[in-house]
Amino acid sequence: MAFIAGFVLDLFLGDPHSFPHPVKWMGKLIAVLTRKLLKEKDDGKTKKRNGLILVLLVLFCTILVSALLLIISYQLHPYFGVVMEAVMTYQCLAAKSLYKESMKVYDALHIGVEEGRRAVSMIVGRDTAQLDERGVIKAAVETVAENTSDGVIAPMMYLALGGPVLGMAYKAINTMDSMIGYKNDQFMDFGRYGAKLDDIVNFLPSRISAILMILACGILGKEYSLKNAFRIFKRDRYHHKSPNSAQTESVCAGALEIQLAGPTPYFGKMVEKPFIGDGVRSIELEDIKRANCLMMTTAILWEMVCVGLLAFGL
């Protein structure tokens, strides 16, 4: 009941900015620990050790608080426990938020490129100041494709396996990677354990996401090529430094018959990346909508699978 209710709440409510969210608290804890543990004078070995301490502390606090909230809630009343579990499940998912934020880019581009750059800068970790309209669209589509796994399928899998405690632990790992997992001079050593752990916990979900996305193409009609999605997935799924990110990006590129990735500006430097997809046609504004439709269909398919497995006690 809580698993289904949490998914429905996410689809309808998303993440209201005024509503307190656990990820914000996780982010504050990570920021405080980073200031305490990351010292520029330390050597690489010390930074790695301190980075591991941060990972363990964040996971310990997240698991402890999540477990205590559930235990106390169920002790007060079983119905109250179910409500708490549903709310925590809802807060682990980001399908509506991903849709809403990426569609802000779609709406902004109807006003102008500058507005589009401003909107996409809120959801990507790259330089957006010099992007043209196609660059802004591509950034939005890539974000939806990658976060289909990170923001929807992966947390849903861990929620099904271990409830909100494991779901929140996954969100903590994901948040650590987004904050300290950069391969730059500042975080190369300090964020190594956080980044590696994120790669590990996303290994299976990213591949499940890709398979589900390919299946979703068979449901969504002629604008989505199932055959090409599978072909590009097989060919380009490792065209990324991360072992996981290109799994879903390759399916999306193939399904929409567009080209993603390629050279991308980060922190004032142009980072060379291999292209994903063949670019049968040029990317266009409506591809943001199409990527979102693919993401939502994939989420619903996985929800049905998880509910079925939970119902049969698997």
Foldseek 3Di string as FASTA:
>chain_A
DLLVLLVVCCQPPADPPVDDAVLVVLLVLLVVLCVVQFDPPDDLVSLLVSLVVSLVVSLVVLLVVVVVVLVVQVVVPVVSSSVVLSNLSNSLAHLNVLLVLLVQLLVLVVVHQVSNLVSLVVQDQFRSPPDDNLRSLLSSLLSLQQCLQLRFQLLSVLCLVPGSSSSSSSSSLVSLCVPQVDCDPRRVRNSPVSVVVNLVSSVVSLQLLLVLLLVVLVVPDDQFDSVQLVVLLVVCCCQDPRNRSSNRVLSLCRGNQAKHDAFGGHPNDTDGTDIRGDGPDRDDSCSSVVSSVSSVSSNVVSSVVSVVCVVVVD
